[in-house]
Protein backbone atom coordinates (compact mmCIF):
# COMPACT_ATOMS: atom_id res chain seq x y z
CA MET A 1 19.72 -15.63 -10.27
CA SER A 2 21.94 -19.13 -11.24
CA MET A 3 24.02 -18.47 -13.98
CA GLU A 4 23.21 -21.77 -15.63
CA ASP A 5 19.47 -19.95 -15.99
CA ALA A 6 21.19 -16.38 -17.03
CA VAL A 7 22.96 -18.62 -20.04
CA LYS A 8 19.25 -20.04 -20.79
CA ARG A 9 17.30 -16.95 -20.89
CA SER A 10 20.15 -15.29 -22.23
CA ILE A 11 20.02 -17.96 -25.63
CA ASN A 12 16.35 -17.91 -24.92
CA LEU A 13 16.65 -14.36 -26.21
CA GLY A 14 18.35 -14.99 -29.08
CA ILE A 15 21.63 -13.55 -27.89
CA LYS A 16 24.49 -15.54 -29.06
CA GLY A 17 26.72 -14.36 -26.04
CA LEU A 18 27.49 -13.08 -22.41
CA ALA A 19 30.25 -11.74 -19.95
CA PHE A 20 29.57 -12.64 -16.52
CA THR A 21 30.86 -9.25 -14.50
CA ASP A 22 30.64 -10.11 -11.06
CA HIS A 23 31.27 -7.63 -8.68
CA PHE A 24 34.08 -7.07 -6.70
CA ASP A 25 34.96 -4.09 -4.53
CA VAL A 26 38.54 -3.84 -2.83
CA ASP A 27 38.54 -2.79 0.81
CA ALA A 28 34.98 -1.89 0.88
CA PRO A 29 33.72 0.11 3.57
CA GLY A 30 31.50 -0.91 5.97
CA ASP A 31 29.63 -4.53 5.27
CA ASN A 32 29.56 -3.84 1.23
CA ASN A 33 32.48 -6.85 0.83
CA ARG A 34 29.58 -9.25 1.59
CA PHE A 35 28.46 -8.49 -2.51
CA ASN A 36 32.19 -9.37 -3.45
CA PHE A 37 32.06 -13.05 -5.35
CA ASP A 38 34.59 -15.70 -5.75
CA PRO A 39 36.92 -16.06 -8.75
CA HIS A 40 37.71 -19.56 -8.32
CA LYS A 41 34.03 -20.77 -7.87
CA GLN A 42 32.71 -17.96 -11.10
CA GLN A 43 35.29 -19.36 -13.30
CA SER A 44 35.03 -22.75 -12.51
CA ARG A 45 31.70 -22.49 -12.98
CA ILE A 46 31.81 -21.32 -16.28
CA ASP A 47 34.10 -23.75 -17.48
CA GLU A 48 31.31 -25.94 -16.91
CA LEU A 49 28.54 -24.28 -18.35
CA ARG A 50 30.96 -23.63 -21.52
CA LEU A 51 30.74 -27.34 -21.71
CA ARG A 52 26.88 -27.50 -21.65
CA PHE A 53 26.19 -24.47 -23.69
CA PRO A 54 29.44 -24.55 -26.85
CA SER A 55 26.61 -22.66 -28.86
CA SER A 56 26.70 -19.67 -26.88
CA GLU A 57 29.78 -17.77 -25.95
CA ILE A 58 30.33 -17.60 -22.03
CA LEU A 59 32.82 -14.94 -21.12
CA LYS A 60 34.45 -14.75 -17.71
CA GLY A 61 34.55 -10.60 -16.37
CA ILE A 62 34.90 -9.08 -12.86
CA GLU A 63 33.16 -5.44 -12.27
CA LEU A 64 36.44 -4.54 -10.37
CA GLY A 65 35.87 -1.61 -7.08
CA LEU A 66 38.31 1.10 -7.64
CA GLN A 67 39.52 3.16 -4.24
CA THR A 68 42.58 5.68 -4.45
CA GLY A 69 43.93 3.70 -1.54
CA SER A 70 43.39 0.15 -3.17
CA LEU A 71 44.83 0.11 -5.93
CA ASP A 72 47.69 -2.22 -5.99
CA LYS A 73 45.36 -4.80 -4.18
CA ALA A 74 43.35 -4.52 -6.91
CA ASP A 75 46.00 -5.12 -9.50
CA THR A 76 46.79 -8.04 -7.69
CA LEU A 77 43.67 -9.30 -7.90
CA ALA A 78 43.21 -8.83 -11.60
CA GLY A 79 46.39 -10.25 -12.32
CA SER A 80 45.50 -13.26 -10.44
CA HIS A 81 42.67 -15.11 -12.37
CA ASN A 82 42.34 -15.45 -16.35
CA PHE A 83 39.47 -12.82 -17.09
CA ASP A 84 37.86 -11.91 -20.53
CA SER A 85 37.09 -8.28 -19.07
CA ILE A 86 37.73 -6.43 -16.43
CA ILE A 87 35.11 -3.44 -16.10
CA ALA A 88 37.25 -0.39 -13.64
CA SER A 89 33.98 1.15 -11.69
CA ILE A 90 33.43 3.88 -9.13
CA HIS A 91 30.84 2.80 -6.30
CA PHE A 92 32.84 5.22 -3.30
CA VAL A 93 33.78 8.48 -2.67
CA ASP A 94 36.98 9.05 -0.99
CA GLY A 95 36.32 5.55 1.01
CA GLU A 96 32.41 6.53 1.89
CA ASP A 97 29.04 4.92 0.20
CA PRO A 98 27.05 7.31 -0.96
CA TYR A 99 24.22 5.07 -0.83
CA HIS A 100 24.27 4.73 2.71
CA GLY A 101 24.62 7.74 5.26
CA ASP A 102 24.72 11.13 4.42
CA PHE A 103 27.13 12.01 1.51
CA TYR A 104 24.69 13.55 -0.96
CA SER A 105 22.65 15.56 2.07
CA ARG A 106 26.44 17.14 2.67
CA ASN A 107 26.74 17.94 -0.15
CA SER A 108 24.97 19.66 -3.32
CA PRO A 109 24.64 18.26 -6.71
CA LYS A 110 27.87 20.17 -8.29
CA GLU A 111 30.23 19.07 -4.97
CA ALA A 112 28.69 15.45 -4.65
CA TYR A 113 29.33 14.98 -8.56
CA LYS A 114 32.77 16.97 -9.13
CA LYS A 115 34.08 14.66 -5.67
CA TYR A 116 32.74 11.58 -7.44
CA ILE A 117 34.49 12.65 -11.06
CA LEU A 118 38.09 13.20 -8.84
CA ASN A 119 38.04 10.27 -7.34
CA MET A 120 37.45 8.10 -10.81
CA TYR A 121 40.34 10.43 -12.65
CA GLU A 122 42.32 9.64 -10.04
CA CYS A 123 41.85 5.44 -10.17
CA VAL A 124 41.92 5.30 -14.18
CA THR A 125 45.07 7.60 -14.24
CA ASN A 126 46.88 5.24 -11.24
CA PHE A 127 44.95 2.22 -12.53
CA ARG A 128 45.24 0.95 -16.26
CA ASN A 129 44.83 -2.76 -15.29
CA PHE A 130 41.60 -2.57 -17.23
CA ASP A 131 39.07 -2.80 -20.37
CA ILE A 132 35.86 -0.56 -19.76
CA LEU A 133 35.10 1.99 -17.46
CA GLY A 134 31.70 0.75 -16.16
CA HIS A 135 29.11 3.43 -15.46
CA PHE A 136 30.86 6.57 -15.48
CA ASP A 137 27.57 7.91 -14.08
CA TYR A 138 26.97 5.90 -11.46
CA ILE A 139 26.99 8.84 -8.84
CA VAL A 140 23.77 10.22 -10.08
CA ARG A 141 21.80 6.71 -10.01
CA TYR A 142 20.34 6.74 -6.41
CA SER A 143 21.24 10.43 -5.39
CA PRO A 144 17.98 12.73 -4.46
CA TYR A 145 18.62 15.44 -6.38
CA LYS A 146 16.55 17.03 -9.22
CA GLU A 147 20.01 17.47 -11.17
CA LYS A 148 20.26 13.39 -12.79
CA SER A 149 22.82 14.01 -15.11
CA LEU A 150 26.65 14.10 -15.69
CA SER A 151 26.78 16.27 -18.79
CA MET A 152 29.39 18.01 -20.25
CA LYS A 153 27.74 21.32 -20.07
CA GLU A 154 27.96 21.16 -15.73
CA TYR A 155 31.09 18.49 -15.80
CA GLY A 156 33.02 19.29 -18.90
CA ASP A 157 36.05 20.28 -17.39
CA GLU A 158 35.96 17.06 -14.84
CA LEU A 159 34.48 14.72 -17.62
CA ASP A 160 37.53 15.89 -19.93
CA SER A 161 40.46 14.78 -17.95
CA VAL A 162 38.67 11.35 -17.38
CA LEU A 163 37.83 10.92 -21.36
CA LYS A 164 41.42 11.86 -22.30
CA VAL A 165 42.54 9.24 -20.03
CA LEU A 166 40.01 6.17 -21.79
CA ALA A 167 41.13 7.68 -25.15
CA SER A 168 44.96 7.65 -24.77
CA GLY A 169 45.05 4.36 -23.06
CA GLY A 170 42.66 2.81 -25.78
CA LYS A 171 39.92 1.62 -23.26
CA ALA A 172 36.36 1.20 -23.38
CA LEU A 173 33.28 3.53 -22.15
CA GLU A 174 30.95 1.47 -20.78
CA ILE A 175 27.35 2.56 -21.44
CA ASN A 176 25.11 0.60 -18.02
CA THR A 177 21.06 0.58 -19.07
CA ASN A 178 20.69 -0.30 -15.15
CA THR A 179 21.39 3.64 -14.42
CA TYR A 180 18.93 4.89 -16.86
CA ARG A 181 15.88 3.45 -15.14
CA GLU A 182 13.49 5.54 -12.90
CA ARG A 183 14.32 5.21 -9.26
CA GLY A 184 11.94 7.81 -6.68
CA GLY A 185 10.41 9.05 -9.51
CA ARG A 186 13.42 10.60 -11.04
CA THR A 187 15.10 8.73 -14.67
CA PRO A 188 18.62 9.75 -14.85
CA VAL A 189 19.93 10.91 -18.32
CA LEU A 190 22.76 10.39 -20.08
CA ASP A 191 24.43 13.33 -21.78
CA LYS A 192 24.47 12.67 -25.74
CA SER A 193 27.19 15.26 -25.28
CA VAL A 194 29.38 13.26 -23.34
CA LEU A 195 29.84 10.34 -25.81
CA ILE A 196 30.13 12.60 -28.66
CA ARG A 197 33.44 14.65 -27.00
CA PHE A 198 34.81 10.80 -26.36
CA ARG A 199 34.97 10.20 -30.52
CA GLU A 200 36.27 13.91 -30.28
CA LEU A 201 39.44 12.75 -28.16
CA GLY A 202 39.84 9.64 -30.42
CA GLY A 203 37.89 7.03 -28.17
CA GLU A 204 37.31 3.81 -30.26
CA PHE A 205 35.58 1.15 -27.95
CA ILE A 206 31.98 1.63 -26.45
CA SER A 207 30.68 -1.01 -24.11
CA MET A 208 27.19 -2.28 -23.34
CA GLY A 209 25.72 -3.27 -20.27
CA SER A 210 22.72 -4.25 -18.57
CA ASP A 211 24.07 -4.44 -14.98
CA ALA A 212 21.20 -6.97 -14.92
CA HIS A 213 20.89 -8.87 -11.24
CA ASP A 214 17.62 -10.93 -12.18
CA LEU A 215 16.44 -12.32 -15.64
CA ASP A 216 14.14 -10.03 -16.83
CA ARG A 217 17.03 -7.70 -17.52
CA ILE A 218 19.35 -9.26 -19.44
CA GLY A 219 20.34 -7.58 -22.38
CA GLU A 220 17.58 -4.70 -21.09
CA ASN A 221 17.39 -1.47 -23.62
CA PHE A 222 19.95 -2.32 -25.84
CA GLU A 223 18.35 -1.85 -28.83
CA PRO A 224 17.33 1.84 -28.22
CA PHE A 225 20.81 2.04 -26.78
CA THR A 226 22.48 0.74 -29.41
CA ALA A 227 21.22 3.38 -31.80
CA PHE A 228 21.87 5.84 -29.47
CA VAL A 229 25.32 5.22 -30.06
CA LYS A 230 25.12 5.41 -33.34
CA SER A 231 24.07 8.52 -33.48
CA CYS A 232 26.80 9.85 -31.60
CA GLY A 233 29.24 8.28 -34.23
CA PHE A 234 30.50 4.86 -33.40
CA SER A 235 30.23 2.32 -35.54
CA TYR A 236 30.85 -0.63 -33.28
CA ILE A 237 29.78 -1.78 -29.97
CA THR A 238 32.88 -3.46 -28.47
CA HIS A 239 32.69 -6.70 -26.04
CA TYR A 240 36.15 -8.44 -24.57
CA LYS A 241 37.45 -11.80 -24.45
CA GLY A 242 41.19 -12.42 -23.47
CA ARG A 243 41.46 -8.89 -22.60
CA LYS A 244 40.98 -8.26 -26.13
CA SER A 245 38.52 -5.77 -28.34
CA VAL A 246 35.79 -7.69 -29.36
CA CYS A 247 33.91 -4.82 -32.26
CA VAL A 248 30.50 -5.79 -33.55
CA LYS A 249 28.97 -3.44 -36.06
CA ILE A 250 26.45 -1.47 -35.67
CA GLU A 251 23.22 -2.20 -38.19
């Protein structure tokens, strides 16, 4: 999927703008660094696209993968480019990629999920140079377990710690619609209680991302999940421009 094709697709869909939040994991285990993008090339290309498509708001973003031992490096990267938005994401648990190897088979669902949340808490507590916490329940996306949700009922104590950090720091919680797709016959579930609790703790900002890796999935399921967000007591969906929140009222 080329960046130009993505812009054209968003225009055809009637979307007023889009943010390219390409993926970069610092000190990624194994060969995962092959997925990292070149920020200089991305930003130069977006500058070109802004001139070609002035009616579309095209934003420069990064999905910055965090690990507890690499937060200083992540901070250096975050500060070395003029991003409109920085999404902090957790893809690895204690330096291990759950997607590969035997992480899931070595752990029960509760052990695996709690380890992930603990890693997430340590990262967002010690790294503040971000705007959005990306796919907080990423660990359930590819898990083989029947239990496919980070629910407040089961993980409330652990999640509360993360949500308090986000709320007190004015950070946004992302609803990543790519997570809630069927894989292997099971579909992860977004627990409504997580958003309600975030709101209770003073959380203001909810961001929406489709995590689209192909053209057909740009803006996927934004409409039903926007309604879901509204049902949890939020009045706005938030994106970022120049690292400042832009709140769009939910109609």
